[in-house]
């Protein structure tokens, strides 16, 4: 597992706290790997999900740090979404 994925899993779990996420979402970080987020929190995993969000490592890090709004990243083409758009919007609330 890459250092980028390891750091992202830790950051996502810190943001979500003990609540987890009501659904199954996957982040694909280009060239690094995938992170699955569900009721159990975040972990390195490339399983099926309700929604898959894909971005490069810099974009993903900017979103996690709060420097880039997930909606703005999507609108500018830096973040692609495949699957349940409502689930993606709910995930955006968790990341903010």
N, C-alpha and C. Protein backbone atom coordinates (compact mmCIF):
# COMPACT_ATOMS: atom_id res chain seq x y z
N UNK A 1 0.85 -1.18 0.00
CA UNK A 1 0.00 0.00 0.00
C UNK A 1 0.89 1.24 0.00
N UNK A 2 0.53 2.23 -0.80
CA UNK A 2 1.35 3.42 -0.92
C UNK A 2 1.21 4.32 0.31
N UNK A 3 2.19 5.17 0.51
CA UNK A 3 2.15 6.13 1.62
C UNK A 3 0.97 7.09 1.46
N UNK A 4 0.64 7.43 0.21
CA UNK A 4 -0.48 8.33 -0.05
C UNK A 4 -1.78 7.69 0.45
N UNK A 5 -1.98 6.42 0.14
CA UNK A 5 -3.19 5.71 0.57
C UNK A 5 -3.22 5.60 2.09
N UNK A 6 -2.12 5.23 2.70
CA UNK A 6 -2.05 5.10 4.15
C UNK A 6 -2.40 6.42 4.84
N UNK A 7 -1.84 7.52 4.36
CA UNK A 7 -2.12 8.84 4.95
C UNK A 7 -3.57 9.25 4.71
N UNK A 8 -4.10 8.95 3.53
CA UNK A 8 -5.48 9.32 3.21
C UNK A 8 -6.47 8.54 4.07
N UNK A 9 -6.22 7.25 4.30
CA UNK A 9 -7.08 6.45 5.17
C UNK A 9 -7.12 7.04 6.57
N UNK A 10 -5.95 7.39 7.10
CA UNK A 10 -5.88 7.98 8.44
C UNK A 10 -6.63 9.31 8.50
N UNK A 11 -6.45 10.14 7.48
CA UNK A 11 -7.12 11.45 7.45
C UNK A 11 -8.63 11.30 7.34
N UNK A 12 -9.09 10.38 6.51
CA UNK A 12 -10.54 10.17 6.35
C UNK A 12 -11.15 9.64 7.64
N UNK A 13 -10.49 8.70 8.29
CA UNK A 13 -11.03 8.19 9.55
C UNK A 13 -11.08 9.27 10.62
N UNK A 14 -10.10 10.16 10.64
CA UNK A 14 -10.10 11.26 11.60
C UNK A 14 -11.27 12.21 11.32
N UNK A 15 -11.55 12.49 10.05
CA UNK A 15 -12.66 13.38 9.69
C UNK A 15 -14.02 12.78 10.04
N UNK A 16 -14.17 11.48 9.84
CA UNK A 16 -15.46 10.83 10.07
C UNK A 16 -15.70 10.51 11.54
N UNK A 17 -14.64 10.39 12.32
CA UNK A 17 -14.82 10.01 13.72
C UNK A 17 -15.37 8.59 13.83
N UNK A 18 -16.21 8.35 14.81
CA UNK A 18 -16.75 7.02 15.03
C UNK A 18 -17.98 6.73 14.20
N UNK A 19 -18.48 7.75 13.49
CA UNK A 19 -19.75 7.60 12.78
C UNK A 19 -19.70 6.78 11.51
N UNK A 20 -18.54 6.69 10.87
CA UNK A 20 -18.48 6.01 9.59
C UNK A 20 -19.28 6.77 8.54
N UNK A 21 -19.70 6.06 7.51
CA UNK A 21 -20.43 6.67 6.40
C UNK A 21 -21.61 5.78 6.06
N UNK A 22 -22.77 6.38 5.91
CA UNK A 22 -23.99 5.64 5.62
C UNK A 22 -24.09 5.36 4.13
N UNK A 23 -23.42 4.35 3.67
CA UNK A 23 -23.35 3.98 2.27
C UNK A 23 -21.99 3.37 2.00
N UNK A 24 -21.70 3.12 0.74
CA UNK A 24 -20.38 2.59 0.36
C UNK A 24 -19.84 3.45 -0.77
N UNK A 25 -18.71 4.09 -0.51
CA UNK A 25 -18.09 4.96 -1.50
C UNK A 25 -16.64 4.55 -1.67
N UNK A 26 -16.11 4.78 -2.87
CA UNK A 26 -14.72 4.45 -3.13
C UNK A 26 -14.02 5.65 -3.74
N UNK A 27 -12.83 5.93 -3.23
CA UNK A 27 -11.95 6.93 -3.83
C UNK A 27 -10.86 6.18 -4.57
N UNK A 28 -10.68 6.52 -5.82
CA UNK A 28 -9.56 5.98 -6.60
C UNK A 28 -8.58 7.13 -6.78
N UNK A 29 -7.39 6.95 -6.22
CA UNK A 29 -6.34 7.96 -6.36
C UNK A 29 -5.41 7.45 -7.46
N UNK A 30 -5.43 8.16 -8.58
CA UNK A 30 -4.70 7.71 -9.77
C UNK A 30 -3.24 7.43 -9.46
N UNK A 31 -2.79 6.24 -9.84
CA UNK A 31 -1.40 5.84 -9.65
C UNK A 31 -1.06 5.40 -8.24
N UNK A 32 -2.03 5.43 -7.32
CA UNK A 32 -1.76 5.08 -5.93
C UNK A 32 -2.57 3.90 -5.43
N UNK A 33 -3.89 3.88 -5.73
CA UNK A 33 -4.74 2.80 -5.26
C UNK A 33 -6.13 3.29 -4.95
N UNK A 34 -6.86 2.52 -4.14
CA UNK A 34 -8.26 2.85 -3.84
C UNK A 34 -8.53 2.76 -2.34
N UNK A 35 -9.50 3.56 -1.91
CA UNK A 35 -9.94 3.61 -0.52
C UNK A 35 -11.45 3.41 -0.51
N UNK A 36 -11.91 2.49 0.32
CA UNK A 36 -13.34 2.25 0.47
C UNK A 36 -13.80 2.89 1.78
N UNK A 37 -14.94 3.57 1.73
CA UNK A 37 -15.51 4.23 2.91
C UNK A 37 -16.91 3.68 3.11
N UNK A 38 -17.18 3.18 4.33
CA UNK A 38 -18.51 2.67 4.65
C UNK A 38 -18.78 2.86 6.14
N UNK A 39 -19.74 2.13 6.67
CA UNK A 39 -20.11 2.28 8.08
C UNK A 39 -18.96 1.94 9.03
N UNK A 40 -18.00 1.17 8.55
CA UNK A 40 -16.84 0.79 9.37
C UNK A 40 -15.69 1.77 9.26
N UNK A 41 -15.85 2.84 8.49
CA UNK A 41 -14.79 3.82 8.32
C UNK A 41 -14.10 3.67 6.97
N UNK A 42 -12.87 4.15 6.89
CA UNK A 42 -12.10 4.11 5.65
C UNK A 42 -11.00 3.07 5.75
N UNK A 43 -10.72 2.41 4.60
CA UNK A 43 -9.65 1.42 4.56
C UNK A 43 -9.21 1.26 3.10
N UNK A 44 -7.98 0.79 2.92
CA UNK A 44 -7.49 0.52 1.57
C UNK A 44 -8.24 -0.70 1.05
N UNK A 45 -8.99 -0.52 -0.03
CA UNK A 45 -9.81 -1.60 -0.57
C UNK A 45 -10.31 -1.16 -1.94
N UNK A 46 -10.41 -2.09 -2.87
CA UNK A 46 -10.88 -1.77 -4.21
C UNK A 46 -12.16 -2.54 -4.55
N UNK A 47 -13.00 -2.77 -3.53
CA UNK A 47 -14.26 -3.51 -3.73
C UNK A 47 -15.30 -2.63 -4.42
N UNK A 48 -16.43 -3.24 -4.78
CA UNK A 48 -17.54 -2.51 -5.39
C UNK A 48 -18.10 -1.48 -4.41
N UNK A 49 -18.61 -0.38 -4.96
CA UNK A 49 -19.17 0.70 -4.14
C UNK A 49 -20.37 1.30 -4.85
N UNK A 50 -21.19 2.04 -4.09
CA UNK A 50 -22.35 2.74 -4.66
C UNK A 50 -21.91 3.89 -5.56
N UNK A 51 -20.79 4.51 -5.18
CA UNK A 51 -20.25 5.62 -5.95
C UNK A 51 -18.72 5.54 -5.92
N UNK A 52 -18.11 5.86 -7.05
CA UNK A 52 -16.65 5.88 -7.14
C UNK A 52 -16.22 7.28 -7.56
N UNK A 53 -15.31 7.86 -6.78
CA UNK A 53 -14.77 9.18 -7.08
C UNK A 53 -13.30 9.00 -7.44
N UNK A 54 -12.89 9.59 -8.55
CA UNK A 54 -11.53 9.42 -9.04
C UNK A 54 -10.86 10.79 -9.19
N UNK A 55 -9.64 10.87 -8.67
CA UNK A 55 -8.86 12.11 -8.77
C UNK A 55 -7.38 11.77 -8.66
N UNK A 56 -6.53 12.73 -9.02
CA UNK A 56 -5.11 12.51 -8.80
C UNK A 56 -4.77 12.80 -7.34
N UNK A 57 -3.58 12.44 -6.93
CA UNK A 57 -3.18 12.55 -5.52
C UNK A 57 -3.23 14.00 -5.03
N UNK A 58 -2.80 14.95 -5.84
CA UNK A 58 -2.79 16.36 -5.43
C UNK A 58 -4.21 16.87 -5.19
N UNK A 59 -5.13 16.52 -6.09
CA UNK A 59 -6.52 16.96 -5.94
C UNK A 59 -7.13 16.35 -4.68
N UNK A 60 -6.91 15.06 -4.48
CA UNK A 60 -7.46 14.38 -3.31
C UNK A 60 -6.93 15.01 -2.02
N UNK A 61 -5.64 15.29 -1.99
CA UNK A 61 -5.04 15.89 -0.80
C UNK A 61 -5.62 17.29 -0.56
N UNK A 62 -5.81 18.07 -1.60
CA UNK A 62 -6.39 19.40 -1.46
C UNK A 62 -7.81 19.34 -0.90
N UNK A 63 -8.58 18.33 -1.34
CA UNK A 63 -9.93 18.16 -0.81
C UNK A 63 -9.87 17.80 0.67
N UNK A 64 -9.01 16.85 1.03
CA UNK A 64 -8.90 16.43 2.43
C UNK A 64 -8.46 17.57 3.35
N UNK A 65 -7.57 18.42 2.85
CA UNK A 65 -7.06 19.52 3.66
C UNK A 65 -8.02 20.71 3.71
N UNK A 66 -9.10 20.64 2.93
CA UNK A 66 -10.07 21.72 2.93
C UNK A 66 -9.71 22.87 2.02
N UNK A 67 -8.66 22.71 1.21
CA UNK A 67 -8.24 23.76 0.29
C UNK A 67 -9.05 23.76 -1.00
N UNK A 68 -9.72 22.63 -1.29
CA UNK A 68 -10.50 22.50 -2.52
C UNK A 68 -11.85 21.88 -2.18
N UNK A 69 -12.90 22.56 -2.55
CA UNK A 69 -14.25 22.05 -2.32
C UNK A 69 -14.51 20.88 -3.28
N UNK A 70 -15.05 19.75 -2.78
CA UNK A 70 -15.30 18.61 -3.67
C UNK A 70 -16.20 18.96 -4.86
N UNK A 71 -17.20 19.79 -4.64
CA UNK A 71 -18.09 20.18 -5.73
C UNK A 71 -17.34 20.98 -6.79
N UNK A 72 -16.49 21.90 -6.34
CA UNK A 72 -15.68 22.69 -7.27
C UNK A 72 -14.72 21.79 -8.05
N UNK A 73 -14.15 20.79 -7.36
CA UNK A 73 -13.24 19.86 -8.04
C UNK A 73 -13.98 19.10 -9.13
N UNK A 74 -15.23 18.70 -8.85
CA UNK A 74 -16.04 17.99 -9.84
C UNK A 74 -16.37 18.91 -11.01
N UNK A 75 -16.79 20.12 -10.71
CA UNK A 75 -17.22 21.06 -11.75
C UNK A 75 -16.07 21.46 -12.67
N UNK A 76 -14.85 21.43 -12.16
CA UNK A 76 -13.69 21.81 -12.98
C UNK A 76 -13.01 20.60 -13.62
N UNK A 77 -13.58 19.40 -13.42
CA UNK A 77 -13.03 18.21 -14.05
C UNK A 77 -11.87 17.57 -13.32
N UNK A 78 -11.55 18.06 -12.14
CA UNK A 78 -10.45 17.47 -11.38
C UNK A 78 -10.87 16.22 -10.62
N UNK A 79 -12.18 16.06 -10.44
CA UNK A 79 -12.75 14.91 -9.72
C UNK A 79 -13.86 14.32 -10.58
N UNK A 80 -13.77 13.03 -10.87
CA UNK A 80 -14.85 12.40 -11.63
C UNK A 80 -15.66 11.51 -10.70
N UNK A 81 -16.96 11.41 -10.99
CA UNK A 81 -17.88 10.65 -10.17
C UNK A 81 -18.59 9.64 -11.05
N UNK A 82 -18.59 8.39 -10.60
CA UNK A 82 -19.28 7.33 -11.32
C UNK A 82 -20.20 6.60 -10.35
N UNK A 83 -21.50 6.65 -10.61
CA UNK A 83 -22.45 5.97 -9.73
C UNK A 83 -23.44 6.94 -9.12
N UNK A 84 -23.83 6.69 -7.89
CA UNK A 84 -24.88 7.41 -7.19
C UNK A 84 -24.44 8.83 -6.81
N UNK A 85 -24.94 9.82 -7.58
CA UNK A 85 -24.56 11.22 -7.34
C UNK A 85 -25.02 11.70 -5.97
N UNK A 86 -26.17 11.25 -5.50
CA UNK A 86 -26.65 11.63 -4.17
C UNK A 86 -25.70 11.16 -3.08
N UNK A 87 -25.15 9.96 -3.26
CA UNK A 87 -24.18 9.43 -2.31
C UNK A 87 -22.90 10.27 -2.35
N UNK A 88 -22.52 10.70 -3.53
CA UNK A 88 -21.33 11.56 -3.66
C UNK A 88 -21.54 12.88 -2.93
N UNK A 89 -22.74 13.45 -3.03
CA UNK A 89 -23.03 14.71 -2.34
C UNK A 89 -22.98 14.52 -0.82
N UNK A 90 -23.51 13.39 -0.36
CA UNK A 90 -23.48 13.09 1.07
C UNK A 90 -22.03 12.94 1.55
N UNK A 91 -21.20 12.32 0.73
CA UNK A 91 -19.79 12.15 1.07
C UNK A 91 -19.09 13.49 1.12
N UNK A 92 -19.48 14.42 0.23
CA UNK A 92 -18.91 15.76 0.25
C UNK A 92 -19.12 16.43 1.60
N UNK A 93 -20.26 16.19 2.22
CA UNK A 93 -20.54 16.74 3.55
C UNK A 93 -19.62 16.17 4.61
N UNK A 94 -19.26 14.91 4.47
CA UNK A 94 -18.36 14.26 5.42
C UNK A 94 -16.94 14.84 5.28
N UNK A 95 -16.55 15.16 4.05
CA UNK A 95 -15.20 15.65 3.80
C UNK A 95 -15.00 17.11 4.16
N UNK A 96 -16.08 17.85 4.25
CA UNK A 96 -15.96 19.29 4.51
C UNK A 96 -15.60 19.58 5.95
